[in-house]
């Protein structure tokens, strides 16, 4: 088989057709270096360039008195989903990319097991979010878009009204969620079909389910989404550890945020505080 390297590696099938087989290995380093570059640029921007946000109007004493000392942010079910999904994603990345740098182990079995755990956790989350949570709270709305425009205008030195306080999730959280949903679904959907090419207790192996071109494109999409997740996870960990964001990270462990943080950053009309 004649293999040709590039951003997408291709090969010539026995019938003379040029088909993709997977992404180039160096894209792993592109994603990692790109993620690291973003972290460095953002840290420099926040420390030396960004203007301090104007103090937002404080809540009235009457409103503050109605807010509990600890405001519920994430239920136990939501927190368990988050950490199970995180472990599954790390397991997928480790089992996918360590063999590429020379560490050999029975990675295929561990990889599809982690993939099934991720798939099951996502299915649970969709059901849980649809029936027991405010499903639309994580998706951008009209106010988010208007405030994003205001922030951009003010950041570029133009006059604009002050942006309003956030709902439960700030715009940047919502956009990150949308991005990682697309990458995660691409990994899951292609991964489920790719399990037909290996022996598992769940599927009868059938490598001829699709033609060479379809399988090749599926492997390429799976790989691109995988390397994309490297950068996305780096960004997520970076923001989770930033001092001004750490209160949100703790809420993913303990489930609540302090009253002071809620009153400073969130609009009670868009997100009602509960115990």
Protein backbone atom coordinates (compact mmCIF):
# COMPACT_ATOMS: atom_id res chain seq x y z
CA UNK A 1 0.00 0.00 0.00
CA UNK A 2 1.40 3.36 -1.06
CA UNK A 3 0.97 5.80 1.88
CA UNK A 4 1.36 9.54 1.29
CA UNK A 5 1.76 11.96 4.18
CA UNK A 6 0.26 15.41 4.59
CA UNK A 7 -2.26 16.99 6.90
CA UNK A 8 -4.36 13.95 6.02
CA UNK A 9 -2.48 10.78 5.22
CA UNK A 10 -3.79 8.88 2.21
CA UNK A 11 -3.19 5.49 0.70
CA UNK A 12 -3.92 3.73 -2.57
CA UNK A 13 -6.49 0.97 -2.28
CA UNK A 14 -6.12 -2.37 -4.14
CA UNK A 15 -8.47 -0.88 -6.75
CA UNK A 16 -6.25 2.13 -7.36
CA UNK A 17 -8.40 4.61 -5.45
CA UNK A 18 -6.71 7.24 -3.28
CA UNK A 19 -8.42 7.13 0.12
CA UNK A 20 -7.75 8.96 3.42
CA UNK A 21 -6.65 6.76 6.30
CA UNK A 22 -6.03 9.12 9.22
CA UNK A 23 -4.71 12.54 10.19
CA UNK A 24 -1.02 13.32 10.33
CA UNK A 25 0.61 12.66 13.70
CA UNK A 26 2.11 16.16 13.93
CA UNK A 27 -1.39 17.65 14.32
CA UNK A 28 -1.28 16.43 17.91
CA UNK A 29 1.59 18.82 18.55
CA UNK A 30 -0.13 21.58 16.59
CA UNK A 31 -3.16 21.29 18.90
CA UNK A 32 -1.02 21.15 22.05
CA UNK A 33 1.18 24.10 21.04
CA UNK A 34 -1.86 26.07 19.87
CA UNK A 35 -3.57 25.49 23.20
CA UNK A 36 -0.44 26.51 25.09
CA UNK A 37 -0.08 29.65 22.97
CA UNK A 38 -3.67 30.64 23.75
CA UNK A 39 -3.06 30.23 27.49
CA UNK A 40 0.06 32.38 27.37
CA UNK A 41 -1.53 35.13 25.26
CA UNK A 42 -4.62 35.24 27.46
CA UNK A 43 -2.60 35.36 30.67
CA UNK A 44 -0.48 38.25 29.32
CA UNK A 45 -3.57 40.08 28.09
CA UNK A 46 -5.37 39.80 31.43
CA UNK A 47 -2.29 40.80 33.43
CA UNK A 48 -0.98 43.71 31.38
CA UNK A 49 -3.48 44.86 28.74
CA UNK A 50 -7.09 44.28 29.75
CA UNK A 51 -8.85 47.18 31.40
CA UNK A 52 -10.40 46.61 34.77
CA UNK A 53 -14.13 46.13 34.53
CA UNK A 54 -16.19 48.95 35.89
CA UNK A 55 -17.85 48.16 39.19
CA UNK A 56 -21.33 46.81 38.53
CA UNK A 57 -24.30 48.09 40.44
CA UNK A 58 -24.60 46.26 43.73
CA UNK A 59 -27.75 44.48 44.69
CA UNK A 60 -30.20 46.15 47.03
CA UNK A 61 -30.13 45.07 50.69
CA UNK A 62 -33.64 43.65 50.27
CA UNK A 63 -32.53 41.43 47.39
CA UNK A 64 -29.31 40.40 49.11
CA UNK A 65 -31.26 39.33 52.18
CA UNK A 66 -33.32 36.93 50.05
CA UNK A 67 -30.26 35.19 48.61
CA UNK A 68 -29.03 32.16 50.60
CA UNK A 69 -25.47 32.18 51.93
CA UNK A 70 -24.65 29.30 49.56
CA UNK A 71 -26.38 29.37 46.17
CA UNK A 72 -26.96 25.99 44.52
CA UNK A 73 -25.23 25.81 41.13
CA UNK A 74 -24.64 22.15 40.26
CA UNK A 75 -26.65 19.17 41.49
CA UNK A 76 -24.94 15.97 42.60
CA UNK A 77 -26.03 14.26 39.37
CA UNK A 78 -24.53 17.07 37.26
CA UNK A 79 -21.26 16.94 39.19
CA UNK A 80 -20.96 13.18 38.91
CA UNK A 81 -21.60 13.43 35.17
CA UNK A 82 -18.92 16.09 34.79
CA UNK A 83 -16.20 14.11 36.55
CA UNK A 84 -17.09 10.78 34.92
CA UNK A 85 -17.05 12.49 31.52
CA UNK A 86 -13.71 14.13 32.37
CA UNK A 87 -12.12 10.80 33.35
CA UNK A 88 -13.46 9.16 30.20
CA UNK A 89 -12.07 11.94 28.00
CA UNK A 90 -8.65 11.74 29.63
CA UNK A 91 -8.66 7.96 29.20
CA UNK A 92 -9.58 8.37 25.53
CA UNK A 93 -6.80 10.88 24.87
CA UNK A 94 -4.21 8.81 26.75
CA UNK A 95 -5.10 5.57 25.02
CA UNK A 96 -5.29 7.26 21.61
CA UNK A 97 -2.07 9.23 21.63
CA UNK A 98 0.40 7.48 23.94
CA UNK A 99 0.92 4.64 21.42
CA UNK A 100 1.80 7.33 18.87
CA UNK A 101 4.78 8.40 20.98
CA UNK A 102 6.04 4.88 21.61
CA UNK A 103 4.16 3.56 24.66
CA UNK A 104 2.69 0.24 23.61
CA UNK A 105 -0.11 -1.43 25.59
CA UNK A 106 -3.51 -3.00 24.75
CA UNK A 107 -4.81 0.48 24.03
CA UNK A 108 -7.62 -0.51 21.65
CA UNK A 109 -9.60 -2.31 24.37
CA UNK A 110 -9.11 0.48 26.91
CA UNK A 111 -9.99 3.04 24.25
CA UNK A 112 -13.36 1.59 23.28
CA UNK A 113 -14.27 0.97 26.94
CA UNK A 114 -13.57 4.63 27.72
CA UNK A 115 -15.57 5.57 24.63
CA UNK A 116 -18.58 3.62 25.86
CA UNK A 117 -18.33 5.29 29.28
CA UNK A 118 -18.23 8.70 27.59
CA UNK A 119 -21.18 7.82 25.36
CA UNK A 120 -23.26 6.56 28.29
CA UNK A 121 -22.46 9.69 30.33
CA UNK A 122 -23.46 11.97 27.46
CA UNK A 123 -26.76 10.12 26.94
CA UNK A 124 -27.45 10.43 30.68
CA UNK A 125 -26.62 14.14 30.58
CA UNK A 126 -28.94 14.82 27.64
CA UNK A 127 -31.84 13.10 29.43
CA UNK A 128 -31.03 14.75 32.77
CA UNK A 129 -30.67 18.20 31.22
CA UNK A 130 -33.86 17.82 29.20
CA UNK A 131 -36.18 16.77 32.05
CA UNK A 132 -34.56 17.81 35.35
CA UNK A 133 -32.60 20.95 34.45
CA UNK A 134 -33.15 24.18 32.53
CA UNK A 135 -32.04 22.80 29.16
CA UNK A 136 -31.71 26.22 27.50
CA UNK A 137 -29.65 27.84 30.27
CA UNK A 138 -26.37 26.74 28.64
CA UNK A 139 -27.23 28.02 25.15
CA UNK A 140 -26.60 31.66 24.07
CA UNK A 141 -29.67 33.90 24.05
CA UNK A 142 -30.42 37.38 22.72
CA UNK A 143 -29.10 39.13 25.82
CA UNK A 144 -25.81 37.21 25.64
CA UNK A 145 -25.29 38.27 22.02
CA UNK A 146 -26.14 41.91 22.75
CA UNK A 147 -23.77 42.00 25.72
CA UNK A 148 -21.01 40.33 23.69
CA UNK A 149 -21.31 43.19 21.17
CA UNK A 150 -21.16 45.72 24.01
CA UNK A 151 -18.02 44.15 25.45
CA UNK A 152 -16.36 44.13 22.04
CA UNK A 153 -17.18 47.78 21.42
CA UNK A 154 -15.90 48.81 24.85
CA UNK A 155 -12.76 46.67 24.44
CA UNK A 156 -11.99 48.46 21.16
CA UNK A 157 -12.44 51.90 22.70
CA UNK A 158 -15.90 52.64 21.36
CA UNK A 159 -18.85 53.93 23.35
CA UNK A 160 -21.37 51.30 24.40
CA UNK A 161 -23.67 50.65 27.35
CA UNK A 162 -22.22 48.55 30.16
CA UNK A 163 -22.93 44.84 29.72
CA UNK A 164 -25.44 43.34 32.10
CA UNK A 165 -24.81 40.70 34.71
CA UNK A 166 -24.78 37.09 33.61
CA UNK A 167 -27.45 34.47 33.84
CA UNK A 168 -26.28 31.14 35.30
CA UNK A 169 -23.61 30.72 32.61
CA UNK A 170 -21.55 33.55 31.04
CA UNK A 171 -21.38 33.82 27.27
CA UNK A 172 -17.85 32.37 27.12
CA UNK A 173 -19.01 29.27 29.00
CA UNK A 174 -21.88 28.84 26.58
CA UNK A 175 -19.65 29.16 23.51
CA UNK A 176 -17.12 26.72 24.97
CA UNK A 177 -19.95 24.29 25.69
CA UNK A 178 -21.18 24.55 22.10
CA UNK A 179 -17.68 23.92 20.73
CA UNK A 180 -16.97 20.92 22.91
CA UNK A 181 -20.43 19.49 22.16
CA UNK A 182 -19.61 19.51 18.45
CA UNK A 183 -16.17 17.95 19.00
CA UNK A 184 -17.54 15.40 21.47
CA UNK A 185 -20.40 14.32 19.22
CA UNK A 186 -18.00 13.93 16.30
CA UNK A 187 -15.77 11.67 18.41
CA UNK A 188 -18.68 9.64 19.78
CA UNK A 189 -20.60 9.10 16.54
CA UNK A 190 -17.54 8.10 14.55
CA UNK A 191 -16.20 6.04 17.45
CA UNK A 192 -19.38 3.99 17.74
CA UNK A 193 -19.18 3.05 14.05
CA UNK A 194 -15.44 2.35 14.33
CA UNK A 195 -16.18 -0.24 17.02
CA UNK A 196 -17.52 -2.41 14.20
CA UNK A 197 -13.92 -2.84 13.06
CA UNK A 198 -12.70 -4.38 16.34
CA UNK A 199 -13.85 -7.34 18.39
CA UNK A 200 -16.06 -6.36 21.32
CA UNK A 201 -18.81 -8.12 23.31
CA UNK A 202 -21.33 -5.60 21.97
CA UNK A 203 -20.94 -5.73 18.19
CA UNK A 204 -20.21 -8.38 15.62
CA UNK A 205 -17.04 -7.32 13.86
CA UNK A 206 -17.77 -6.14 10.33
CA UNK A 207 -14.98 -4.10 8.70
CA UNK A 208 -16.93 -4.14 5.44
CA UNK A 209 -19.86 -2.13 6.81
CA UNK A 210 -18.61 0.88 4.80
CA UNK A 211 -16.33 1.33 1.84
CA UNK A 212 -12.70 2.42 2.10
CA UNK A 213 -13.47 6.09 1.41
CA UNK A 214 -16.20 6.28 4.05
CA UNK A 215 -14.06 4.52 6.65
CA UNK A 216 -11.17 6.82 5.82
CA UNK A 217 -13.21 9.99 6.20
CA UNK A 218 -14.59 8.65 9.46
CA UNK A 219 -11.08 8.07 10.81
CA UNK A 220 -10.04 11.56 9.72
CA UNK A 221 -13.02 13.21 11.42
CA UNK A 222 -12.43 11.13 14.55
CA UNK A 223 -8.79 12.17 14.63
CA UNK A 224 -9.48 15.87 13.98
CA UNK A 225 -12.07 15.96 16.75
CA UNK A 226 -9.63 14.14 19.03
CA UNK A 227 -6.77 16.59 18.54
CA UNK A 228 -9.26 19.44 18.86
CA UNK A 229 -10.21 18.09 22.27
CA UNK A 230 -6.56 18.33 23.35
CA UNK A 231 -6.63 22.12 22.94
CA UNK A 232 -10.14 22.43 24.35
CA UNK A 233 -9.27 20.49 27.50
CA UNK A 234 -6.10 22.54 27.99
CA UNK A 235 -8.16 25.73 27.80
CA UNK A 236 -10.76 24.31 30.18
CA UNK A 237 -8.18 23.37 32.82
CA UNK A 238 -6.46 26.75 32.46
CA UNK A 239 -9.65 28.70 33.13
CA UNK A 240 -10.67 26.34 35.91
CA UNK A 241 -7.42 27.15 37.74
CA UNK A 242 -7.44 30.91 37.21
CA UNK A 243 -7.97 32.71 40.57
CA UNK A 244 -11.02 34.69 39.41
CA UNK A 245 -12.67 31.51 38.05
CA UNK A 246 -11.73 29.14 40.85
CA UNK A 247 -14.99 29.74 42.72
CA UNK A 248 -16.79 28.16 39.75
CA UNK A 249 -14.41 25.21 39.83
CA UNK A 250 -15.14 24.64 43.50
CA UNK A 251 -18.86 24.65 42.71
CA UNK A 252 -18.28 21.63 40.50
CA UNK A 253 -16.98 19.86 43.61
CA UNK A 254 -19.25 21.19 46.35
CA UNK A 255 -22.26 22.24 44.26
CA UNK A 256 -22.63 25.83 45.47
CA UNK A 257 -21.22 29.34 45.05
CA UNK A 258 -21.05 32.04 47.75
CA UNK A 259 -23.76 34.67 48.00
CA UNK A 260 -21.22 37.45 47.34
CA UNK A 261 -20.12 35.94 44.04
CA UNK A 262 -23.71 35.42 42.94
CA UNK A 263 -24.71 39.02 43.70
CA UNK A 264 -21.61 40.44 42.00
CA UNK A 265 -21.76 38.46 38.77
CA UNK A 266 -25.28 37.15 38.21
CA UNK A 267 -28.66 38.68 37.46
CA UNK A 268 -31.37 37.28 39.79
CA UNK A 269 -33.96 37.93 37.10
CA UNK A 270 -32.09 35.63 34.71
CA UNK A 271 -31.03 33.04 37.29
CA UNK A 272 -32.99 32.74 40.52
CA UNK A 273 -30.93 31.78 43.56
CA UNK A 274 -31.88 28.59 45.41
CA UNK A 275 -30.40 26.71 48.33
